[in-house]
PDB file of N, CA and C in Angstrom:
ATOM      1  N   UNK A   1       0.849  -1.178   0.000  1.00  0.00           N
ATOM      2  CA  UNK A   1       0.000   0.000   0.000  1.00  0.00           C
ATOM      3  C   UNK A   1       0.894   1.240   0.000  1.00  0.00           C
ATOM      4  N   UNK A   2       0.631   2.157  -0.909  1.00  0.00           N
ATOM      5  CA  UNK A   2       1.462   3.357  -0.970  1.00  0.00           C
ATOM      6  C   UNK A   2       0.858   4.472  -0.129  1.00  0.00           C
ATOM      7  N   UNK A   3       1.557   5.568  -0.110  1.00  0.00           N
ATOM      8  CA  UNK A   3       1.124   6.721   0.691  1.00  0.00           C
ATOM      9  C   UNK A   3      -0.262   7.213   0.286  1.00  0.00           C
ATOM     10  N   UNK A   4      -0.533   7.308  -1.001  1.00  0.00           N
ATOM     11  CA  UNK A   4      -1.812   7.855  -1.450  1.00  0.00           C
ATOM     12  C   UNK A   4      -2.993   6.977  -1.058  1.00  0.00           C
ATOM     13  N   UNK A   5      -2.831   5.677  -1.159  1.00  0.00           N
ATOM     14  CA  UNK A   5      -3.959   4.793  -0.848  1.00  0.00           C
ATOM     15  C   UNK A   5      -4.272   4.754   0.648  1.00  0.00           C
ATOM     16  N   UNK A   6      -3.424   5.338   1.455  1.00  0.00           N
ATOM     17  CA  UNK A   6      -3.709   5.450   2.890  1.00  0.00           C
ATOM     18  C   UNK A   6      -4.611   6.645   3.193  1.00  0.00           C
ATOM     19  N   UNK A   7      -4.794   7.527   2.212  1.00  0.00           N
ATOM     20  CA  UNK A   7      -5.644   8.700   2.392  1.00  0.00           C
ATOM     21  C   UNK A   7      -7.111   8.313   2.268  1.00  0.00           C
ATOM     22  N   UNK A   8      -7.995   9.055   2.952  1.00  0.00           N
ATOM     23  CA  UNK A   8      -9.426   8.795   2.773  1.00  0.00           C
ATOM     24  C   UNK A   8      -9.810   8.952   1.305  1.00  0.00           C
ATOM     25  N   UNK A   9     -10.699   8.123   0.845  1.00  0.00           N
ATOM     26  CA  UNK A   9     -11.300   8.199  -0.498  1.00  0.00           C
ATOM     27  C   UNK A   9     -10.401   7.719  -1.633  1.00  0.00           C
ATOM     28  N   UNK A  10      -9.151   7.391  -1.353  1.00  0.00           N
ATOM     29  CA  UNK A  10      -8.227   7.020  -2.421  1.00  0.00           C
ATOM     30  C   UNK A  10      -8.049   5.501  -2.450  1.00  0.00           C
ATOM     31  N   UNK A  11      -8.685   4.900  -3.431  1.00  0.00           N
ATOM     32  CA  UNK A  11      -8.527   3.467  -3.640  1.00  0.00           C
ATOM     33  C   UNK A  11      -7.481   3.209  -4.698  1.00  0.00           C
ATOM     34  N   UNK A  12      -7.375   1.960  -5.059  1.00  0.00           N
ATOM     35  CA  UNK A  12      -6.340   1.541  -6.008  1.00  0.00           C
ATOM     36  C   UNK A  12      -6.465   2.258  -7.360  1.00  0.00           C
ATOM     37  N   UNK A  13      -7.672   2.377  -7.891  1.00  0.00           N
ATOM     38  CA  UNK A  13      -7.810   2.963  -9.232  1.00  0.00           C
ATOM     39  C   UNK A  13      -7.504   4.459  -9.232  1.00  0.00           C
ATOM     40  N   UNK A  14      -7.947   5.187  -8.228  1.00  0.00           N
ATOM     41  CA  UNK A  14      -7.633   6.622  -8.176  1.00  0.00           C
ATOM     42  C   UNK A  14      -6.140   6.810  -7.934  1.00  0.00           C
ATOM     43  N   UNK A  15      -5.567   5.978  -7.082  1.00  0.00           N
ATOM     44  CA  UNK A  15      -4.134   6.057  -6.846  1.00  0.00           C
ATOM     45  C   UNK A  15      -3.367   5.835  -8.152  1.00  0.00           C
ATOM     46  N   UNK A  16      -3.769   4.854  -8.932  1.00  0.00           N
ATOM     47  CA  UNK A  16      -3.110   4.586 -10.210  1.00  0.00           C
ATOM     48  C   UNK A  16      -3.229   5.783 -11.142  1.00  0.00           C
ATOM     49  N   UNK A  17      -4.412   6.383 -11.175  1.00  0.00           N
ATOM     50  CA  UNK A  17      -4.594   7.553 -12.033  1.00  0.00           C
ATOM     51  C   UNK A  17      -3.719   8.713 -11.564  1.00  0.00           C
ATOM     52  N   UNK A  18      -3.661   8.914 -10.256  1.00  0.00           N
ATOM     53  CA  UNK A  18      -2.803   9.973  -9.729  1.00  0.00           C
ATOM     54  C   UNK A  18      -1.345   9.726 -10.107  1.00  0.00           C
ATOM     55  N   UNK A  19      -0.918   8.492 -10.000  1.00  0.00           N
ATOM     56  CA  UNK A  19       0.462   8.153 -10.376  1.00  0.00           C
ATOM     57  C   UNK A  19       0.710   8.437 -11.861  1.00  0.00           C
ATOM     58  N   UNK A  20      -0.246   8.105 -12.706  1.00  0.00           N
ATOM     59  CA  UNK A  20      -0.109   8.335 -14.151  1.00  0.00           C
ATOM     60  C   UNK A  20       0.071   9.818 -14.457  1.00  0.00           C
ATOM     61  N   UNK A  21      -0.633  10.670 -13.706  1.00  0.00           N
ATOM     62  CA  UNK A  21      -0.539  12.117 -13.964  1.00  0.00           C
ATOM     63  C   UNK A  21       0.595  12.777 -13.182  1.00  0.00           C
ATOM     64  N   UNK A  22       1.426  11.955 -12.549  1.00  0.00           N
ATOM     65  CA  UNK A  22       2.616  12.482 -11.903  1.00  0.00           C
ATOM     66  C   UNK A  22       2.487  12.842 -10.433  1.00  0.00           C
ATOM     67  N   UNK A  23       1.437  12.365  -9.787  1.00  0.00           N
ATOM     68  CA  UNK A  23       1.236  12.627  -8.363  1.00  0.00           C
ATOM     69  C   UNK A  23       1.430  11.319  -7.610  1.00  0.00           C
ATOM     70  N   UNK A  24       2.437  11.306  -6.732  1.00  0.00           N
ATOM     71  CA  UNK A  24       2.752  10.078  -5.999  1.00  0.00           C
ATOM     72  C   UNK A  24       2.712  10.257  -4.488  1.00  0.00           C
ATOM     73  N   UNK A  25       2.579  11.510  -4.028  1.00  0.00           N
ATOM     74  CA  UNK A  25       2.580  11.760  -2.585  1.00  0.00           C
ATOM     75  C   UNK A  25       1.455  12.701  -2.199  1.00  0.00           C
ATOM     76  N   UNK A  26       1.134  12.684  -0.914  1.00  0.00           N
ATOM     77  CA  UNK A  26       0.130  13.610  -0.392  1.00  0.00           C
ATOM     78  C   UNK A  26       0.549  15.055  -0.639  1.00  0.00           C
ATOM     79  N   UNK A  27       1.812  15.361  -0.401  1.00  0.00           N
ATOM     80  CA  UNK A  27       2.280  16.733  -0.584  1.00  0.00           C
ATOM     81  C   UNK A  27       2.100  17.203  -2.027  1.00  0.00           C
ATOM     82  N   UNK A  28       2.351  16.312  -2.973  1.00  0.00           N
ATOM     83  CA  UNK A  28       2.144  16.667  -4.380  1.00  0.00           C
ATOM     84  C   UNK A  28       0.665  16.912  -4.658  1.00  0.00           C
ATOM     85  N   UNK A  29      -0.195  16.065  -4.107  1.00  0.00           N
ATOM     86  CA  UNK A  29      -1.635  16.231  -4.298  1.00  0.00           C
ATOM     87  C   UNK A  29      -2.102  17.543  -3.682  1.00  0.00           C
ATOM     88  N   UNK A  30      -1.651  17.823  -2.480  1.00  0.00           N
ATOM     89  CA  UNK A  30      -2.054  19.053  -1.798  1.00  0.00           C
ATOM     90  C   UNK A  30      -1.570  20.276  -2.569  1.00  0.00           C
ATOM     91  N   UNK A  31      -0.344  20.208  -3.070  1.00  0.00           N
ATOM     92  CA  UNK A  31       0.215  21.349  -3.804  1.00  0.00           C
ATOM     93  C   UNK A  31      -0.564  21.638  -5.084  1.00  0.00           C
ATOM     94  N   UNK A  32      -0.892  20.598  -5.826  1.00  0.00           N
ATOM     95  CA  UNK A  32      -1.618  20.817  -7.086  1.00  0.00           C
ATOM     96  C   UNK A  32      -3.095  21.134  -6.836  1.00  0.00           C
ATOM     97  N   UNK A  33      -3.652  20.575  -5.787  1.00  0.00           N
ATOM     98  CA  UNK A  33      -5.050  20.820  -5.445  1.00  0.00           C
ATOM     99  C   UNK A  33      -5.991  19.858  -6.146  1.00  0.00           C
ATOM    100  N   UNK A  34      -7.160  19.729  -5.584  1.00  0.00           N
ATOM    101  CA  UNK A  34      -8.128  18.757  -6.100  1.00  0.00           C
ATOM    102  C   UNK A  34      -8.610  19.101  -7.505  1.00  0.00           C
ATOM    103  N   UNK A  35      -8.805  20.365  -7.777  1.00  0.00           N
ATOM    104  CA  UNK A  35      -9.343  20.761  -9.082  1.00  0.00           C
ATOM    105  C   UNK A  35      -8.361  20.460 -10.208  1.00  0.00           C
ATOM    106  N   UNK A  36      -7.117  20.840 -10.023  1.00  0.00           N
ATOM    107  CA  UNK A  36      -6.127  20.586 -11.068  1.00  0.00           C
ATOM    108  C   UNK A  36      -5.838  19.098 -11.209  1.00  0.00           C
ATOM    109  N   UNK A  37      -5.802  18.395 -10.079  1.00  0.00           N
ATOM    110  CA  UNK A  37      -5.596  16.945 -10.143  1.00  0.00           C
ATOM    111  C   UNK A  37      -6.743  16.301 -10.912  1.00  0.00           C
ATOM    112  N   UNK A  38      -7.962  16.720 -10.624  1.00  0.00           N
ATOM    113  CA  UNK A  38      -9.134  16.167 -11.308  1.00  0.00           C
ATOM    114  C   UNK A  38      -9.081  16.474 -12.803  1.00  0.00           C
ATOM    115  N   UNK A  39      -8.692  17.694 -13.165  1.00  0.00           N
ATOM    116  CA  UNK A  39      -8.587  18.031 -14.589  1.00  0.00           C
ATOM    117  C   UNK A  39      -7.582  17.138 -15.299  1.00  0.00           C
ATOM    118  N   UNK A  40      -6.466  16.871 -14.644  1.00  0.00           N
ATOM    119  CA  UNK A  40      -5.460  15.997 -15.247  1.00  0.00           C
ATOM    120  C   UNK A  40      -5.973  14.569 -15.364  1.00  0.00           C
ATOM    121  N   UNK A  41      -6.682  14.113 -14.338  1.00  0.00           N
ATOM    122  CA  UNK A  41      -7.285  12.771 -14.403  1.00  0.00           C
ATOM    123  C   UNK A  41      -8.310  12.727 -15.520  1.00  0.00           C
ATOM    124  N   UNK A  42      -9.102  13.747 -15.636  1.00  0.00           N
ATOM    125  CA  UNK A  42     -10.121  13.792 -16.693  1.00  0.00           C
ATOM    126  C   UNK A  42      -9.472  13.726 -18.073  1.00  0.00           C
ATOM    127  N   UNK A  43      -8.253  14.222 -18.178  1.00  0.00           N
ATOM    128  CA  UNK A  43      -7.521  14.146 -19.442  1.00  0.00           C
ATOM    129  C   UNK A  43      -7.187  12.722 -19.850  1.00  0.00           C
ATOM    130  N   UNK A  44      -7.124  11.807 -18.873  1.00  0.00           N
ATOM    131  CA  UNK A  44      -6.830  10.406 -19.190  1.00  0.00           C
ATOM    132  C   UNK A  44      -8.049   9.510 -18.995  1.00  0.00           C
ATOM    133  N   UNK A  45      -9.104  10.064 -18.375  1.00  0.00           N
ATOM    134  CA  UNK A  45     -10.315   9.279 -18.107  1.00  0.00           C
ATOM    135  C   UNK A  45     -11.516  10.211 -18.166  1.00  0.00           C
ATOM    136  N   UNK A  46     -12.185  10.238 -19.331  1.00  0.00           N
ATOM    137  CA  UNK A  46     -13.297  11.179 -19.471  1.00  0.00           C
ATOM    138  C   UNK A  46     -14.527  10.793 -18.665  1.00  0.00           C
ATOM    139  N   UNK A  47     -14.466   9.685 -17.936  1.00  0.00           N
ATOM    140  CA  UNK A  47     -15.585   9.325 -17.059  1.00  0.00           C
ATOM    141  C   UNK A  47     -15.412   9.898 -15.644  1.00  0.00           C
ATOM    142  N   UNK A  48     -14.323  10.657 -15.426  1.00  0.00           N
ATOM    143  CA  UNK A  48     -14.084  11.253 -14.100  1.00  0.00           C
ATOM    144  C   UNK A  48     -15.269  12.150 -13.741  1.00  0.00           C
ATOM    145  N   UNK A  49     -15.920  11.840 -12.626  1.00  0.00           N
ATOM    146  CA  UNK A  49     -17.166  12.502 -12.250  1.00  0.00           C
ATOM    147  C   UNK A  49     -16.972  13.415 -11.044  1.00  0.00           C
ATOM    148  N   UNK A  50     -18.052  14.041 -10.644  1.00  0.00           N
ATOM    149  CA  UNK A  50     -18.040  14.936  -9.486  1.00  0.00           C
ATOM    150  C   UNK A  50     -17.606  14.195  -8.226  1.00  0.00           C
ATOM    151  N   UNK A  51     -17.969  12.932  -8.111  1.00  0.00           N
ATOM    152  CA  UNK A  51     -17.583  12.171  -6.922  1.00  0.00           C
ATOM    153  C   UNK A  51     -16.068  12.013  -6.831  1.00  0.00           C
ATOM    154  N   UNK A  52     -15.405  11.862  -7.962  1.00  0.00           N
ATOM    155  CA  UNK A  52     -13.952  11.749  -7.953  1.00  0.00           C
ATOM    156  C   UNK A  52     -13.325  13.076  -7.535  1.00  0.00           C
ATOM    157  N   UNK A  53     -13.873  14.171  -8.020  1.00  0.00           N
ATOM    158  CA  UNK A  53     -13.395  15.494  -7.618  1.00  0.00           C
ATOM    159  C   UNK A  53     -13.554  15.682  -6.110  1.00  0.00           C
ATOM    160  N   UNK A  54     -14.716  15.327  -5.591  1.00  0.00           N
ATOM    161  CA  UNK A  54     -14.961  15.436  -4.146  1.00  0.00           C
ATOM    162  C   UNK A  54     -14.052  14.499  -3.355  1.00  0.00           C
ATOM    163  N   UNK A  55     -13.805  13.313  -3.903  1.00  0.00           N
ATOM    164  CA  UNK A  55     -12.916  12.362  -3.237  1.00  0.00           C
ATOM    165  C   UNK A  55     -11.512  12.935  -3.109  1.00  0.00           C
ATOM    166  N   UNK A  56     -11.042  13.591  -4.146  1.00  0.00           N
ATOM    167  CA  UNK A  56      -9.720  14.193  -4.108  1.00  0.00           C
ATOM    168  C   UNK A  56      -9.649  15.304  -3.064  1.00  0.00           C
ATOM    169  N   UNK A  57     -10.677  16.136  -3.023  1.00  0.00           N
ATOM    170  CA  UNK A  57     -10.693  17.215  -2.029  1.00  0.00           C
ATOM    171  C   UNK A  57     -10.772  16.646  -0.614  1.00  0.00           C
ATOM    172  N   UNK A  58     -11.584  15.627  -0.427  1.00  0.00           N
ATOM    173  CA  UNK A  58     -11.661  14.985   0.881  1.00  0.00           C
ATOM    174  C   UNK A  58     -10.331  14.392   1.297  1.00  0.00           C
ATOM    175  N   UNK A  59      -9.621  13.797   0.350  1.00  0.00           N
ATOM    176  CA  UNK A  59      -8.299  13.224   0.650  1.00  0.00           C
ATOM    177  C   UNK A  59      -7.342  14.316   1.115  1.00  0.00           C
ATOM    178  N   UNK A  60      -7.392  15.458   0.458  1.00  0.00           N
ATOM    179  CA  UNK A  60      -6.532  16.578   0.847  1.00  0.00           C
ATOM    180  C   UNK A  60      -6.882  17.052   2.253  1.00  0.00           C
ATOM    181  N   UNK A  61      -8.185  17.108   2.550  1.00  0.00           N
ATOM    182  CA  UNK A  61      -8.624  17.570   3.871  1.00  0.00           C
ATOM    183  C   UNK A  61      -8.524  16.487   4.936  1.00  0.00           C
ATOM    184  N   UNK A  62      -8.310  15.252   4.516  1.00  0.00           N
ATOM    185  CA  UNK A  62      -8.192  14.149   5.469  1.00  0.00           C
ATOM    186  C   UNK A  62      -9.522  13.636   5.990  1.00  0.00           C
ATOM    187  N   UNK A  63     -10.578  13.809   5.174  1.00  0.00           N
ATOM    188  CA  UNK A  63     -11.918  13.367   5.577  1.00  0.00           C
ATOM    189  C   UNK A  63     -12.590  12.606   4.444  1.00  0.00           C
ATOM    190  N   UNK A  64     -13.613  11.844   4.785  1.00  0.00           N
ATOM    191  CA  UNK A  64     -14.429  11.210   3.759  1.00  0.00           C
ATOM    192  C   UNK A  64     -15.122  12.308   2.962  1.00  0.00           C
ATOM    193  N   UNK A  65     -15.263  12.109   1.663  1.00  0.00           N
ATOM    194  CA  UNK A  65     -15.822  13.172   0.832  1.00  0.00           C
ATOM    195  C   UNK A  65     -17.258  13.497   1.205  1.00  0.00           C
ATOM    196  N   UNK A  66     -17.965  12.558   1.796  1.00  0.00           N
ATOM    197  CA  UNK A  66     -19.341  12.809   2.230  1.00  0.00           C
ATOM    198  C   UNK A  66     -19.401  13.874   3.325  1.00  0.00           C
ATOM    199  N   UNK A  67     -18.284  14.096   3.998  1.00  0.00           N
ATOM    200  CA  UNK A  67     -18.239  15.043   5.115  1.00  0.00           C
ATOM    201  C   UNK A  67     -17.694  16.410   4.722  1.00  0.00           C
ATOM    202  N   UNK A  68     -17.517  16.658   3.433  1.00  0.00           N
ATOM    203  CA  UNK A  68     -17.094  17.986   2.998  1.00  0.00           C
ATOM    204  C   UNK A  68     -18.167  19.005   3.368  1.00  0.00           C
ATOM    205  N   UNK A  69     -17.748  20.218   3.659  1.00  0.00           N
ATOM    206  CA  UNK A  69     -18.709  21.267   4.005  1.00  0.00           C
ATOM    207  C   UNK A  69     -19.610  21.578   2.810  1.00  0.00           C
ATOM    208  N   UNK A  70     -20.761  22.124   3.096  1.00  0.00           N
ATOM    209  CA  UNK A  70     -21.693  22.507   2.026  1.00  0.00           C
ATOM    210  C   UNK A  70     -21.038  23.512   1.084  1.00  0.00           C
ATOM    211  N   UNK A  71     -20.305  24.467   1.639  1.00  0.00           N
ATOM    212  CA  UNK A  71     -19.641  25.472   0.808  1.00  0.00           C
ATOM    213  C   UNK A  71     -18.632  24.827  -0.136  1.00  0.00           C
ATOM    214  N   UNK A  72     -17.857  23.894   0.392  1.00  0.00           N
ATOM    215  CA  UNK A  72     -16.866  23.216  -0.443  1.00  0.00           C
ATOM    216  C   UNK A  72     -17.544  22.410  -1.533  1.00  0.00           C
ATOM    217  N   UNK A  73     -18.587  21.664  -1.176  1.00  0.00           N
ATOM    218  CA  UNK A  73     -19.298  20.868  -2.192  1.00  0.00           C
ATOM    219  C   UNK A  73     -19.909  21.761  -3.259  1.00  0.00           C
ATOM    220  N   UNK A  74     -20.458  22.887  -2.841  1.00  0.00           N
ATOM    221  CA  UNK A  74     -21.052  23.822  -3.803  1.00  0.00           C
ATOM    222  C   UNK A  74     -19.975  24.361  -4.751  1.00  0.00           C
ATOM    223  N   UNK A  75     -18.836  24.750  -4.205  1.00  0.00           N
ATOM    224  CA  UNK A  75     -17.729  25.251  -5.020  1.00  0.00           C
ATOM    225  C   UNK A  75     -17.258  24.188  -6.015  1.00  0.00           C
ATOM    226  N   UNK A  76     -17.094  22.960  -5.549  1.00  0.00           N
ATOM    227  CA  UNK A  76     -16.652  21.882  -6.428  1.00  0.00           C
ATOM    228  C   UNK A  76     -17.681  21.587  -7.514  1.00  0.00           C
ATOM    229  N   UNK A  77     -18.954  21.646  -7.158  1.00  0.00           N
ATOM    230  CA  UNK A  77     -20.000  21.380  -8.153  1.00  0.00           C
ATOM    231  C   UNK A  77     -20.010  22.463  -9.229  1.00  0.00           C
ATOM    232  N   UNK A  78     -19.844  23.716  -8.826  1.00  0.00           N
ATOM    233  CA  UNK A  78     -19.770  24.807  -9.819  1.00  0.00           C
ATOM    234  C   UNK A  78     -18.582  24.592 -10.751  1.00  0.00           C
ATOM    235  N   UNK A  79     -17.448  24.222 -10.187  1.00  0.00           N
ATOM    236  CA  UNK A  79     -16.255  23.940 -10.991  1.00  0.00           C
ATOM    237  C   UNK A  79     -16.522  22.786 -11.947  1.00  0.00           C
ATOM    238  N   UNK A  80     -17.062  21.707 -11.435  1.00  0.00           N
ATOM    239  CA  UNK A  80     -17.347  20.520 -12.252  1.00  0.00           C
ATOM    240  C   UNK A  80     -18.294  20.850 -13.407  1.00  0.00           C
ATOM    241  N   UNK A  81     -19.319  21.638 -13.132  1.00  0.00           N
ATOM    242  CA  UNK A  81     -20.320  21.963 -14.155  1.00  0.00           C
ATOM    243  C   UNK A  81     -19.730  22.739 -15.322  1.00  0.00           C
ATOM    244  N   UNK A  82     -18.615  23.409 -15.119  1.00  0.00           N
ATOM    245  CA  UNK A  82     -17.962  24.120 -16.209  1.00  0.00           C
ATOM    246  C   UNK A  82     -17.387  23.158 -17.254  1.00  0.00           C
ATOM    247  N   UNK A  83     -17.188  21.908 -16.854  1.00  0.00           N
ATOM    248  CA  UNK A  83     -16.530  20.934 -17.734  1.00  0.00           C
ATOM    249  C   UNK A  83     -17.449  19.808 -18.176  1.00  0.00           C
ATOM    250  N   UNK A  84     -18.723  19.888 -17.844  1.00  0.00           N
ATOM    251  CA  UNK A  84     -19.661  18.847 -18.257  1.00  0.00           C
ATOM    252  C   UNK A  84     -19.968  18.944 -19.722  1.00  0.00           C
TER     253      UNK A  84
END
């Protein structure tokens, strides 16, 4: 198990995608941010959905994505809708 898969919301497939886009550590994920990481993932997987974006943000915050604040979820949804 690598560092990323120890984070909340990060399973094997998301970890693999993060590795493909050049993110291998929590610090790298935090530095790039959930939105940019999601955009890069979407570049290799056009099925990347809002749940994946929320999962990435939850991983950065150290919480399950279901527990993101309403403001954060609203912000992420607005961002996601720009790319639908």
